[in-house]
Amino acid sequence: MHAFKSGVWGVLTLATWLYVAPALAQSDVPQPPPAAFPQHDGSHDFDFLIGSWKAHVRSLQKRLDHSTNPNDWATYEGTEVAWKLNDSHANFENFDIYSEKLHKRSKGSDALRLYNPATRQWSIYLVDIDGGTIDLPPMIGHFEGKRGEFYNQDVFKGRAKLTRLVWLDISPQHARLEQSYSTDGGKTWELNWTCDLTR
C-alpha cells in the first residue's frame, strides 16, 4: 500500500506540473470570489477526513438546466477512504459508490489535496483514475472554523462557470460536502452534488 500511495503521489505531482500552468492561463472565464488571506495554519484542516467512511451521494444529472424535478437527481451509496501521503499534510481520497437508479458504479473519481504553507490555502485536484485525467485548474480555498470553501473557474458545455465546494457539518462521526455551479460570477448558485459521510 505504501508503494502504491507513493506512486500515486509521484504521478499526480508530475501531471500537475505539466498541465497546471497552461490551464491557469485561461482568461475567458469569470474570476472566483476573492478569498480573505487565512490567518491560521490550516495544514491540519483535513485531518478529520483521514480514515474510512460510509458515503451517501446525491448528484443532479441535468446541470445548469434550471431543473426542479426531483427525478433528475441520482443517489449513490458506498465508501470513501482518505489517507495522508508520505507523512505530509497532502492527502488523497478514493470513492467507491454505486447508483441503483443508474445501474452505475463510480470508483475512479478521487481527490488530491495539497497544502501551501506560504498562502495557507489548499489546492484540490479532482482525479479520474479510470479515465486517466486531472481536472484543472484546481479548487483553491481554506477553512474558517469547521467550514471550508474552495473555488475554481472553467467551462461547462461551452458556458463559463464558477465551481464552489463547501465542507460543513464536520464532527468525528459526520461530514458533508456540497458542490455548486454559478454562471453569473457568484451571484447565484445551483447546488448539484452532495455527499454525506458517516463513520
N, C-alpha and C. Protein backbone atom coordinates (compact mmCIF):
# COMPACT_ATOMS: atom_id res chain seq x y z
N MET A 1 0.83 -1.21 0.00
CA MET A 1 0.00 0.00 0.00
C MET A 1 0.86 1.25 0.00
N HIS A 2 1.97 1.21 0.78
CA HIS A 2 2.84 2.38 0.84
C HIS A 2 3.42 2.69 -0.53
N ALA A 3 3.82 1.65 -1.26
CA ALA A 3 4.39 1.86 -2.60
C ALA A 3 3.34 2.43 -3.54
N PHE A 4 2.10 1.94 -3.40
CA PHE A 4 1.03 2.46 -4.25
C PHE A 4 0.78 3.94 -3.99
N LYS A 5 0.74 4.31 -2.69
CA LYS A 5 0.49 5.71 -2.34
C LYS A 5 1.62 6.59 -2.87
N SER A 6 2.85 6.14 -2.73
CA SER A 6 3.99 6.92 -3.21
C SER A 6 3.93 7.05 -4.72
N GLY A 7 3.52 5.96 -5.40
CA GLY A 7 3.43 6.01 -6.85
C GLY A 7 2.38 6.99 -7.31
N VAL A 8 1.21 6.95 -6.65
CA VAL A 8 0.15 7.90 -6.98
C VAL A 8 0.65 9.32 -6.79
N TRP A 9 1.34 9.56 -5.68
CA TRP A 9 1.87 10.89 -5.39
C TRP A 9 2.81 11.36 -6.49
N GLY A 10 3.73 10.51 -6.91
CA GLY A 10 4.69 10.91 -7.93
C GLY A 10 4.03 11.20 -9.26
N VAL A 11 3.11 10.33 -9.68
CA VAL A 11 2.44 10.52 -10.96
C VAL A 11 1.61 11.79 -10.97
N LEU A 12 0.86 12.00 -9.88
CA LEU A 12 0.00 13.18 -9.84
C LEU A 12 0.80 14.47 -9.75
N THR A 13 1.92 14.44 -9.02
CA THR A 13 2.77 15.63 -8.93
C THR A 13 3.31 16.00 -10.30
N LEU A 14 3.80 15.01 -11.05
CA LEU A 14 4.32 15.28 -12.39
C LEU A 14 3.22 15.80 -13.30
N ALA A 15 2.05 15.16 -13.25
CA ALA A 15 0.95 15.60 -14.10
C ALA A 15 0.53 17.02 -13.78
N THR A 16 0.52 17.35 -12.50
CA THR A 16 0.15 18.70 -12.09
C THR A 16 1.10 19.74 -12.68
N TRP A 17 2.41 19.51 -12.58
CA TRP A 17 3.39 20.46 -13.12
C TRP A 17 3.28 20.58 -14.63
N LEU A 18 2.93 19.50 -15.31
CA LEU A 18 2.87 19.52 -16.76
C LEU A 18 1.66 20.29 -17.28
N TYR A 19 0.57 20.27 -16.49
CA TYR A 19 -0.68 20.80 -17.03
C TYR A 19 -1.25 22.01 -16.30
N VAL A 20 -0.83 22.27 -15.09
CA VAL A 20 -1.49 23.33 -14.34
C VAL A 20 -1.19 24.71 -14.90
N ALA A 21 0.01 24.97 -15.39
CA ALA A 21 0.34 26.31 -15.90
C ALA A 21 -0.54 26.73 -17.06
N PRO A 22 -0.64 25.92 -18.15
CA PRO A 22 -1.50 26.35 -19.25
C PRO A 22 -2.96 26.43 -18.87
N ALA A 23 -3.40 25.57 -17.95
CA ALA A 23 -4.81 25.61 -17.55
C ALA A 23 -5.13 26.89 -16.82
N LEU A 24 -4.20 27.37 -16.00
CA LEU A 24 -4.46 28.59 -15.24
C LEU A 24 -4.36 29.84 -16.10
N ALA A 25 -3.91 29.69 -17.32
CA ALA A 25 -3.75 30.84 -18.20
C ALA A 25 -5.06 31.26 -18.84
N GLN A 26 -6.15 30.50 -18.60
CA GLN A 26 -7.43 30.86 -19.19
C GLN A 26 -7.84 32.26 -18.73
N SER A 27 -8.33 33.05 -19.66
CA SER A 27 -8.73 34.42 -19.31
C SER A 27 -10.16 34.72 -19.73
N ASP A 28 -10.88 33.74 -20.32
CA ASP A 28 -12.21 34.00 -20.83
C ASP A 28 -13.30 33.50 -19.89
N VAL A 29 -12.96 33.27 -18.64
CA VAL A 29 -13.94 32.83 -17.67
C VAL A 29 -13.91 33.78 -16.48
N PRO A 30 -15.04 33.92 -15.76
CA PRO A 30 -15.08 34.83 -14.62
C PRO A 30 -14.14 34.38 -13.53
N GLN A 31 -13.68 35.35 -12.73
CA GLN A 31 -12.78 35.05 -11.62
C GLN A 31 -13.59 34.62 -10.40
N PRO A 32 -13.07 33.68 -9.60
CA PRO A 32 -13.79 33.28 -8.39
C PRO A 32 -13.80 34.41 -7.38
N PRO A 33 -14.72 34.33 -6.42
CA PRO A 33 -14.79 35.38 -5.41
C PRO A 33 -13.45 35.50 -4.68
N PRO A 34 -13.00 36.73 -4.40
CA PRO A 34 -11.74 36.88 -3.67
C PRO A 34 -11.83 36.28 -2.29
N ALA A 35 -10.77 35.60 -1.88
CA ALA A 35 -10.74 34.97 -0.56
C ALA A 35 -9.86 35.77 0.37
N ALA A 36 -10.35 35.99 1.57
CA ALA A 36 -9.54 36.67 2.57
C ALA A 36 -8.33 35.81 2.90
N PHE A 37 -7.19 36.44 3.15
CA PHE A 37 -5.99 35.68 3.44
C PHE A 37 -6.17 34.97 4.78
N PRO A 38 -6.05 33.62 4.79
CA PRO A 38 -6.24 32.88 6.04
C PRO A 38 -5.23 33.31 7.10
N GLN A 39 -5.70 33.45 8.32
CA GLN A 39 -4.84 33.90 9.41
C GLN A 39 -4.29 32.75 10.25
N HIS A 40 -4.76 31.53 9.99
CA HIS A 40 -4.32 30.41 10.81
C HIS A 40 -3.57 29.39 9.96
N ASP A 41 -2.79 28.57 10.62
CA ASP A 41 -2.11 27.45 9.96
C ASP A 41 -3.15 26.39 9.68
N GLY A 42 -3.47 26.21 8.40
CA GLY A 42 -4.53 25.26 8.03
C GLY A 42 -4.01 23.91 7.61
N SER A 43 -2.77 23.60 7.93
CA SER A 43 -2.17 22.36 7.44
C SER A 43 -2.86 21.11 7.99
N HIS A 44 -3.61 21.25 9.08
CA HIS A 44 -4.30 20.09 9.65
C HIS A 44 -5.81 20.15 9.42
N ASP A 45 -6.26 21.05 8.55
CA ASP A 45 -7.70 21.23 8.36
C ASP A 45 -8.41 19.97 7.88
N PHE A 46 -7.71 19.14 7.09
CA PHE A 46 -8.34 17.94 6.56
C PHE A 46 -8.04 16.68 7.38
N ASP A 47 -7.45 16.85 8.55
CA ASP A 47 -7.16 15.69 9.38
C ASP A 47 -8.43 14.93 9.75
N PHE A 48 -9.55 15.64 9.86
CA PHE A 48 -10.81 15.00 10.22
C PHE A 48 -11.22 13.94 9.20
N LEU A 49 -10.76 14.09 7.96
CA LEU A 49 -11.21 13.24 6.87
C LEU A 49 -10.46 11.91 6.79
N ILE A 50 -9.28 11.86 7.39
CA ILE A 50 -8.44 10.67 7.25
C ILE A 50 -9.14 9.44 7.86
N GLY A 51 -9.16 8.36 7.08
CA GLY A 51 -9.80 7.13 7.51
C GLY A 51 -10.89 6.70 6.55
N SER A 52 -11.74 5.78 7.01
CA SER A 52 -12.79 5.20 6.17
C SER A 52 -14.16 5.72 6.59
N TRP A 53 -15.03 5.93 5.58
CA TRP A 53 -16.37 6.46 5.80
C TRP A 53 -17.38 5.71 4.94
N LYS A 54 -18.64 5.74 5.38
CA LYS A 54 -19.76 5.39 4.52
C LYS A 54 -20.17 6.66 3.77
N ALA A 55 -20.44 6.53 2.48
CA ALA A 55 -20.77 7.71 1.67
C ALA A 55 -22.18 7.60 1.09
N HIS A 56 -22.95 8.67 1.28
CA HIS A 56 -24.27 8.81 0.66
C HIS A 56 -24.20 10.04 -0.24
N VAL A 57 -24.28 9.81 -1.55
CA VAL A 57 -24.07 10.87 -2.54
C VAL A 57 -25.35 11.10 -3.34
N ARG A 58 -25.66 12.39 -3.57
CA ARG A 58 -26.75 12.77 -4.48
C ARG A 58 -26.16 13.63 -5.59
N SER A 59 -26.52 13.32 -6.84
CA SER A 59 -25.94 14.01 -7.98
C SER A 59 -27.04 14.44 -8.95
N LEU A 60 -27.05 15.74 -9.28
CA LEU A 60 -28.01 16.28 -10.25
C LEU A 60 -27.54 15.93 -11.66
N GLN A 61 -28.39 15.24 -12.41
CA GLN A 61 -28.00 14.77 -13.73
C GLN A 61 -28.09 15.85 -14.81
N LYS A 62 -29.00 16.80 -14.67
CA LYS A 62 -29.17 17.89 -15.64
C LYS A 62 -28.68 19.18 -15.00
N ARG A 63 -27.40 19.48 -15.19
CA ARG A 63 -26.80 20.63 -14.53
C ARG A 63 -26.90 21.89 -15.37
N LEU A 64 -27.08 23.01 -14.69
CA LEU A 64 -27.26 24.32 -15.33
C LEU A 64 -28.40 24.28 -16.33
N ASP A 65 -29.45 23.56 -15.96
CA ASP A 65 -30.63 23.42 -16.82
C ASP A 65 -31.89 23.87 -16.10
N HIS A 66 -31.71 24.60 -14.99
CA HIS A 66 -32.82 25.11 -14.18
C HIS A 66 -33.76 23.98 -13.76
N SER A 67 -33.20 22.82 -13.46
CA SER A 67 -34.01 21.67 -13.10
C SER A 67 -34.64 21.83 -11.72
N THR A 68 -35.93 21.51 -11.64
CA THR A 68 -36.65 21.48 -10.35
C THR A 68 -37.30 20.12 -10.14
N ASN A 69 -36.99 19.18 -11.01
CA ASN A 69 -37.59 17.85 -10.95
C ASN A 69 -36.76 16.95 -10.03
N PRO A 70 -37.34 16.45 -8.94
CA PRO A 70 -36.59 15.56 -8.04
C PRO A 70 -36.06 14.32 -8.75
N ASN A 71 -36.70 13.90 -9.83
CA ASN A 71 -36.27 12.71 -10.56
C ASN A 71 -34.96 12.93 -11.32
N ASP A 72 -34.53 14.19 -11.42
CA ASP A 72 -33.26 14.48 -12.10
C ASP A 72 -32.06 14.22 -11.20
N TRP A 73 -32.32 13.84 -9.95
CA TRP A 73 -31.24 13.52 -9.01
C TRP A 73 -31.04 12.00 -8.95
N ALA A 74 -29.79 11.58 -8.88
CA ALA A 74 -29.45 10.18 -8.69
C ALA A 74 -28.73 10.02 -7.35
N THR A 75 -28.98 8.91 -6.68
CA THR A 75 -28.38 8.64 -5.38
C THR A 75 -27.36 7.51 -5.50
N TYR A 76 -26.24 7.70 -4.84
CA TYR A 76 -25.18 6.68 -4.80
C TYR A 76 -24.91 6.31 -3.35
N GLU A 77 -24.58 5.05 -3.11
CA GLU A 77 -24.17 4.58 -1.79
C GLU A 77 -22.83 3.86 -1.94
N GLY A 78 -21.98 3.98 -0.92
CA GLY A 78 -20.71 3.28 -0.99
C GLY A 78 -19.76 3.71 0.11
N THR A 79 -18.49 3.78 -0.24
CA THR A 79 -17.46 4.09 0.75
C THR A 79 -16.53 5.19 0.24
N GLU A 80 -15.89 5.84 1.20
CA GLU A 80 -14.86 6.84 0.91
C GLU A 80 -13.71 6.57 1.87
N VAL A 81 -12.49 6.59 1.35
CA VAL A 81 -11.29 6.39 2.16
C VAL A 81 -10.30 7.49 1.85
N ALA A 82 -9.73 8.11 2.88
CA ALA A 82 -8.73 9.17 2.70
C ALA A 82 -7.51 8.84 3.54
N TRP A 83 -6.32 9.14 2.97
CA TRP A 83 -5.08 8.90 3.70
C TRP A 83 -4.06 9.98 3.37
N LYS A 84 -3.12 10.20 4.30
CA LYS A 84 -2.05 11.16 4.07
C LYS A 84 -0.98 10.54 3.18
N LEU A 85 -0.27 11.40 2.44
CA LEU A 85 0.77 10.94 1.53
C LEU A 85 2.15 11.20 2.12
N ASN A 86 2.94 10.14 2.25
CA ASN A 86 4.33 10.26 2.71
C ASN A 86 4.47 11.04 4.01
N ASP A 87 3.54 10.84 4.93
CA ASP A 87 3.58 11.52 6.23
C ASP A 87 3.60 13.04 6.10
N SER A 88 2.97 13.55 5.05
CA SER A 88 2.92 15.00 4.83
C SER A 88 1.51 15.50 5.15
N HIS A 89 1.26 16.79 4.86
CA HIS A 89 -0.08 17.33 5.02
C HIS A 89 -0.96 16.98 3.82
N ALA A 90 -0.34 16.63 2.69
CA ALA A 90 -1.10 16.26 1.50
C ALA A 90 -1.90 14.99 1.76
N ASN A 91 -3.04 14.88 1.12
CA ASN A 91 -3.84 13.67 1.28
C ASN A 91 -4.52 13.30 -0.03
N PHE A 92 -4.91 12.04 -0.11
CA PHE A 92 -5.59 11.52 -1.30
C PHE A 92 -6.86 10.82 -0.85
N GLU A 93 -7.92 10.96 -1.66
CA GLU A 93 -9.24 10.44 -1.31
C GLU A 93 -9.76 9.57 -2.44
N ASN A 94 -10.35 8.43 -2.07
CA ASN A 94 -10.89 7.50 -3.05
C ASN A 94 -12.35 7.19 -2.74
N PHE A 95 -13.21 7.30 -3.76
CA PHE A 95 -14.61 6.94 -3.64
C PHE A 95 -14.87 5.63 -4.38
N ASP A 96 -15.77 4.82 -3.82
CA ASP A 96 -16.28 3.64 -4.50
C ASP A 96 -17.77 3.59 -4.19
N ILE A 97 -18.59 4.11 -5.11
CA ILE A 97 -20.02 4.27 -4.86
C ILE A 97 -20.82 3.69 -6.03
N TYR A 98 -22.07 3.35 -5.76
CA TYR A 98 -22.92 2.71 -6.77
C TYR A 98 -24.32 3.31 -6.72
N SER A 99 -24.91 3.57 -7.91
CA SER A 99 -26.26 4.08 -8.02
C SER A 99 -27.19 2.98 -8.54
N GLU A 100 -28.16 2.60 -7.72
CA GLU A 100 -29.15 1.62 -8.16
C GLU A 100 -29.98 2.18 -9.31
N LYS A 101 -30.31 3.45 -9.24
CA LYS A 101 -31.14 4.08 -10.27
C LYS A 101 -30.47 4.05 -11.63
N LEU A 102 -29.18 4.36 -11.66
CA LEU A 102 -28.45 4.43 -12.93
C LEU A 102 -27.75 3.12 -13.27
N HIS A 103 -27.76 2.16 -12.33
CA HIS A 103 -27.00 0.91 -12.50
C HIS A 103 -25.56 1.25 -12.88
N LYS A 104 -24.99 2.17 -12.10
CA LYS A 104 -23.66 2.71 -12.43
C LYS A 104 -22.78 2.73 -11.20
N ARG A 105 -21.56 2.23 -11.37
CA ARG A 105 -20.56 2.29 -10.30
C ARG A 105 -19.57 3.40 -10.61
N SER A 106 -19.25 4.20 -9.60
CA SER A 106 -18.24 5.26 -9.74
C SER A 106 -17.14 4.97 -8.73
N LYS A 107 -15.98 4.57 -9.22
CA LYS A 107 -14.89 4.22 -8.32
C LYS A 107 -13.59 4.93 -8.68
N GLY A 108 -13.63 5.81 -9.68
CA GLY A 108 -12.40 6.45 -10.13
C GLY A 108 -12.38 7.95 -9.98
N SER A 109 -13.40 8.52 -9.30
CA SER A 109 -13.42 9.96 -9.10
C SER A 109 -12.84 10.27 -7.72
N ASP A 110 -11.62 10.73 -7.70
CA ASP A 110 -10.89 10.90 -6.46
C ASP A 110 -10.40 12.34 -6.33
N ALA A 111 -9.71 12.62 -5.22
CA ALA A 111 -9.22 13.97 -4.99
C ALA A 111 -7.84 13.94 -4.36
N LEU A 112 -6.97 14.77 -4.89
CA LEU A 112 -5.64 15.01 -4.32
C LEU A 112 -5.66 16.41 -3.73
N ARG A 113 -5.27 16.55 -2.46
CA ARG A 113 -5.26 17.85 -1.79
C ARG A 113 -3.85 18.19 -1.35
N LEU A 114 -3.41 19.41 -1.73
CA LEU A 114 -2.07 19.88 -1.39
C LEU A 114 -2.18 21.18 -0.61
N TYR A 115 -1.39 21.29 0.46
CA TYR A 115 -1.41 22.50 1.29
C TYR A 115 -0.20 23.36 0.99
N ASN A 116 -0.45 24.67 0.78
CA ASN A 116 0.61 25.64 0.52
C ASN A 116 0.85 26.45 1.79
N PRO A 117 1.95 26.24 2.50
CA PRO A 117 2.17 26.95 3.76
C PRO A 117 2.40 28.44 3.57
N ALA A 118 2.80 28.86 2.37
CA ALA A 118 3.04 30.29 2.12
C ALA A 118 1.72 31.06 2.05
N THR A 119 0.72 30.49 1.37
CA THR A 119 -0.57 31.16 1.24
C THR A 119 -1.58 30.68 2.27
N ARG A 120 -1.25 29.58 2.96
CA ARG A 120 -2.14 28.95 3.93
C ARG A 120 -3.45 28.53 3.27
N GLN A 121 -3.35 28.08 2.05
CA GLN A 121 -4.52 27.62 1.32
C GLN A 121 -4.28 26.21 0.77
N TRP A 122 -5.40 25.54 0.50
CA TRP A 122 -5.38 24.21 -0.09
C TRP A 122 -5.70 24.29 -1.58
N SER A 123 -5.06 23.41 -2.35
CA SER A 123 -5.43 23.19 -3.75
C SER A 123 -5.97 21.77 -3.85
N ILE A 124 -7.14 21.63 -4.45
CA ILE A 124 -7.79 20.33 -4.58
C ILE A 124 -7.86 19.97 -6.06
N TYR A 125 -7.23 18.87 -6.41
CA TYR A 125 -7.22 18.38 -7.79
C TYR A 125 -8.15 17.17 -7.88
N LEU A 126 -9.20 17.28 -8.69
CA LEU A 126 -10.11 16.16 -8.89
C LEU A 126 -9.51 15.22 -9.93
N VAL A 127 -9.40 13.96 -9.57
CA VAL A 127 -8.67 12.97 -10.37
C VAL A 127 -9.62 11.87 -10.82
N ASP A 128 -9.63 11.59 -12.12
CA ASP A 128 -10.38 10.47 -12.67
C ASP A 128 -9.38 9.37 -13.01
N ILE A 129 -9.18 8.44 -12.09
CA ILE A 129 -8.19 7.39 -12.29
C ILE A 129 -8.58 6.50 -13.46
N ASP A 130 -9.88 6.16 -13.57
CA ASP A 130 -10.32 5.29 -14.66
C ASP A 130 -10.11 5.97 -16.01
N GLY A 131 -10.41 7.27 -16.07
CA GLY A 131 -10.26 8.00 -17.33
C GLY A 131 -8.87 8.54 -17.57
N GLY A 132 -8.02 8.52 -16.53
CA GLY A 132 -6.65 9.00 -16.67
C GLY A 132 -6.53 10.49 -16.83
N THR A 133 -7.42 11.27 -16.16
CA THR A 133 -7.40 12.72 -16.30
C THR A 133 -7.38 13.40 -14.93
N ILE A 134 -6.93 14.67 -14.93
CA ILE A 134 -6.97 15.54 -13.76
C ILE A 134 -7.70 16.81 -14.16
N ASP A 135 -8.75 17.17 -13.40
CA ASP A 135 -9.48 18.40 -13.70
C ASP A 135 -8.65 19.60 -13.29
N LEU A 136 -8.46 20.52 -14.22
CA LEU A 136 -7.71 21.73 -13.97
C LEU A 136 -8.50 22.93 -14.45
N PRO A 137 -8.34 24.08 -13.80
CA PRO A 137 -7.48 24.35 -12.66
C PRO A 137 -8.02 23.72 -11.38
N PRO A 138 -7.19 23.68 -10.33
CA PRO A 138 -7.63 23.08 -9.06
C PRO A 138 -8.62 23.98 -8.34
N MET A 139 -9.33 23.39 -7.37
CA MET A 139 -10.15 24.15 -6.44
C MET A 139 -9.22 24.72 -5.38
N ILE A 140 -9.33 26.00 -5.08
CA ILE A 140 -8.43 26.64 -4.12
C ILE A 140 -9.26 27.33 -3.03
N GLY A 141 -8.84 27.15 -1.77
CA GLY A 141 -9.54 27.80 -0.69
C GLY A 141 -9.00 27.38 0.66
N HIS A 142 -9.79 27.61 1.71
CA HIS A 142 -9.35 27.32 3.07
C HIS A 142 -10.56 27.18 3.99
N PHE A 143 -10.27 26.83 5.23
CA PHE A 143 -11.30 26.67 6.26
C PHE A 143 -11.34 27.90 7.16
N GLU A 144 -12.54 28.23 7.58
CA GLU A 144 -12.77 29.17 8.67
C GLU A 144 -13.57 28.40 9.71
N GLY A 145 -12.91 28.04 10.80
CA GLY A 145 -13.56 27.17 11.77
C GLY A 145 -13.78 25.80 11.16
N LYS A 146 -15.02 25.31 11.22
CA LYS A 146 -15.33 23.99 10.66
C LYS A 146 -16.03 24.08 9.32
N ARG A 147 -15.86 25.19 8.63
CA ARG A 147 -16.43 25.37 7.30
C ARG A 147 -15.31 25.68 6.32
N GLY A 148 -15.24 24.90 5.25
CA GLY A 148 -14.23 25.13 4.22
C GLY A 148 -14.87 25.46 2.89
N GLU A 149 -14.35 26.49 2.20
CA GLU A 149 -14.86 26.87 0.88
C GLU A 149 -13.71 26.88 -0.12
N PHE A 150 -13.98 26.30 -1.30
CA PHE A 150 -12.97 26.15 -2.34
C PHE A 150 -13.59 26.47 -3.69
N TYR A 151 -12.84 27.19 -4.55
CA TYR A 151 -13.39 27.67 -5.81
C TYR A 151 -12.43 27.39 -6.96
N ASN A 152 -13.02 27.23 -8.15
CA ASN A 152 -12.24 27.32 -9.38
C ASN A 152 -13.12 27.87 -10.49
N GLN A 153 -12.53 28.02 -11.65
CA GLN A 153 -13.24 28.58 -12.80
C GLN A 153 -12.91 27.72 -14.02
N ASP A 154 -13.93 27.40 -14.79
CA ASP A 154 -13.70 26.62 -16.01
C ASP A 154 -14.91 26.77 -16.92
N VAL A 155 -15.07 25.84 -17.85
CA VAL A 155 -16.15 25.90 -18.83
C VAL A 155 -16.93 24.60 -18.76
N PHE A 156 -18.26 24.70 -18.76
CA PHE A 156 -19.13 23.53 -18.74
C PHE A 156 -20.11 23.64 -19.89
N LYS A 157 -20.04 22.69 -20.84
CA LYS A 157 -20.90 22.68 -22.02
C LYS A 157 -20.86 24.03 -22.74
N GLY A 158 -19.65 24.57 -22.87
CA GLY A 158 -19.46 25.82 -23.58
C GLY A 158 -19.79 27.07 -22.80
N ARG A 159 -20.15 26.94 -21.53
CA ARG A 159 -20.53 28.08 -20.71
C ARG A 159 -19.49 28.29 -19.61
N ALA A 160 -19.05 29.53 -19.46
CA ALA A 160 -18.12 29.85 -18.38
C ALA A 160 -18.84 29.71 -17.04
N LYS A 161 -18.17 29.10 -16.07
CA LYS A 161 -18.80 28.90 -14.77
C LYS A 161 -17.78 28.93 -13.65
N LEU A 162 -18.27 29.21 -12.46
CA LEU A 162 -17.53 29.02 -11.23
C LEU A 162 -18.02 27.75 -10.57
N THR A 163 -17.11 27.04 -9.92
CA THR A 163 -17.48 25.89 -9.12
C THR A 163 -17.09 26.17 -7.67
N ARG A 164 -17.97 25.83 -6.76
CA ARG A 164 -17.71 26.01 -5.33
C ARG A 164 -17.90 24.68 -4.62
N LEU A 165 -16.91 24.30 -3.82
CA LEU A 165 -17.03 23.16 -2.91
C LEU A 165 -17.09 23.68 -1.49
N VAL A 166 -18.01 23.19 -0.71
CA VAL A 166 -18.16 23.61 0.69
C VAL A 166 -18.18 22.39 1.59
N TRP A 167 -17.27 22.35 2.56
CA TRP A 167 -17.29 21.36 3.63
C TRP A 167 -18.01 21.97 4.83
N LEU A 168 -18.93 21.24 5.42
CA LEU A 168 -19.67 21.74 6.58
C LEU A 168 -20.17 20.57 7.42
N ASP A 169 -20.79 20.91 8.56
CA ASP A 169 -21.34 19.91 9.49
C ASP A 169 -20.28 18.87 9.87
N ILE A 170 -19.07 19.34 10.16
CA ILE A 170 -17.96 18.43 10.45
C ILE A 170 -17.96 18.04 11.92
N SER A 171 -17.90 16.73 12.16
CA SER A 171 -17.76 16.18 13.50
C SER A 171 -16.98 14.88 13.39
N PRO A 172 -16.61 14.26 14.53
CA PRO A 172 -15.87 13.00 14.44
C PRO A 172 -16.64 11.90 13.70
N GLN A 173 -17.96 12.00 13.66
CA GLN A 173 -18.78 10.94 13.07
C GLN A 173 -19.47 11.34 11.77
N HIS A 174 -19.35 12.59 11.35
CA HIS A 174 -20.09 13.03 10.17
C HIS A 174 -19.40 14.22 9.51
N ALA A 175 -19.55 14.31 8.20
CA ALA A 175 -19.10 15.48 7.44
C ALA A 175 -19.93 15.55 6.17
N ARG A 176 -20.11 16.77 5.67
CA ARG A 176 -20.91 16.96 4.46
C ARG A 176 -20.13 17.82 3.47
N LEU A 177 -20.20 17.44 2.20
CA LEU A 177 -19.58 18.18 1.12
C LEU A 177 -20.64 18.54 0.09
N GLU A 178 -20.67 19.81 -0.33
CA GLU A 178 -21.63 20.28 -1.32
C GLU A 178 -20.89 20.94 -2.48
N GLN A 179 -21.36 20.66 -3.70
CA GLN A 179 -20.81 21.30 -4.89
C GLN A 179 -21.90 22.12 -5.58
N SER A 180 -21.54 23.35 -5.98
CA SER A 180 -22.48 24.23 -6.67
C SER A 180 -21.79 24.89 -7.85
N TYR A 181 -22.59 25.24 -8.88
CA TYR A 181 -22.11 25.98 -10.04
C TYR A 181 -22.75 27.36 -10.08
N SER A 182 -22.02 28.32 -10.65
CA SER A 182 -22.56 29.66 -10.89
C SER A 182 -22.12 30.14 -12.27
N THR A 183 -23.06 30.73 -13.02
CA THR A 183 -22.74 31.30 -14.33
C THR A 183 -22.89 32.82 -14.34
N ASP A 184 -23.08 33.41 -13.16
CA ASP A 184 -23.22 34.86 -13.09
C ASP A 184 -22.20 35.47 -12.12
N GLY A 185 -21.02 34.88 -12.08
CA GLY A 185 -19.95 35.44 -11.25
C GLY A 185 -20.13 35.25 -9.78
N GLY A 186 -20.94 34.29 -9.37
CA GLY A 186 -21.12 34.01 -7.95
C GLY A 186 -22.31 34.68 -7.32
N LYS A 187 -23.16 35.35 -8.12
CA LYS A 187 -24.36 35.98 -7.56
C LYS A 187 -25.37 34.94 -7.14
N THR A 188 -25.55 33.91 -7.95
CA THR A 188 -26.46 32.82 -7.63
C THR A 188 -25.73 31.50 -7.87
N TRP A 189 -26.15 30.46 -7.13
CA TRP A 189 -25.50 29.16 -7.22
C TRP A 189 -26.54 28.06 -7.39
N GLU A 190 -26.19 27.06 -8.22
CA GLU A 190 -27.01 25.86 -8.37
C GLU A 190 -26.32 24.71 -7.65
N LEU A 191 -26.97 24.18 -6.61
CA LEU A 191 -26.45 23.01 -5.92
C LEU A 191 -26.66 21.79 -6.81
N ASN A 192 -25.58 21.02 -7.08
CA ASN A 192 -25.76 19.89 -7.99
C ASN A 192 -25.11 18.58 -7.51
N TRP A 193 -24.48 18.59 -6.34
CA TRP A 193 -23.85 17.37 -5.83
C TRP A 193 -23.67 17.50 -4.33
N THR A 194 -24.07 16.48 -3.61
CA THR A 194 -23.88 16.47 -2.16
C THR A 194 -23.34 15.11 -1.73
N CYS A 195 -22.56 15.11 -0.67
CA CYS A 195 -22.03 13.87 -0.12
C CYS A 195 -22.08 13.95 1.39
N ASP A 196 -22.78 13.02 2.01
CA ASP A 196 -22.80 12.91 3.46
C ASP A 196 -21.99 11.70 3.86
N LEU A 197 -20.96 11.97 4.70
CA LEU A 197 -20.06 10.92 5.17
C LEU A 197 -20.37 10.60 6.62
N THR A 198 -20.43 9.31 6.94
CA THR A 198 -20.62 8.87 8.32
C THR A 198 -19.64 7.75 8.62
N ARG A 199 -19.17 7.69 9.86
CA ARG A 199 -18.23 6.64 10.26
C ARG A 199 -18.96 5.30 10.41
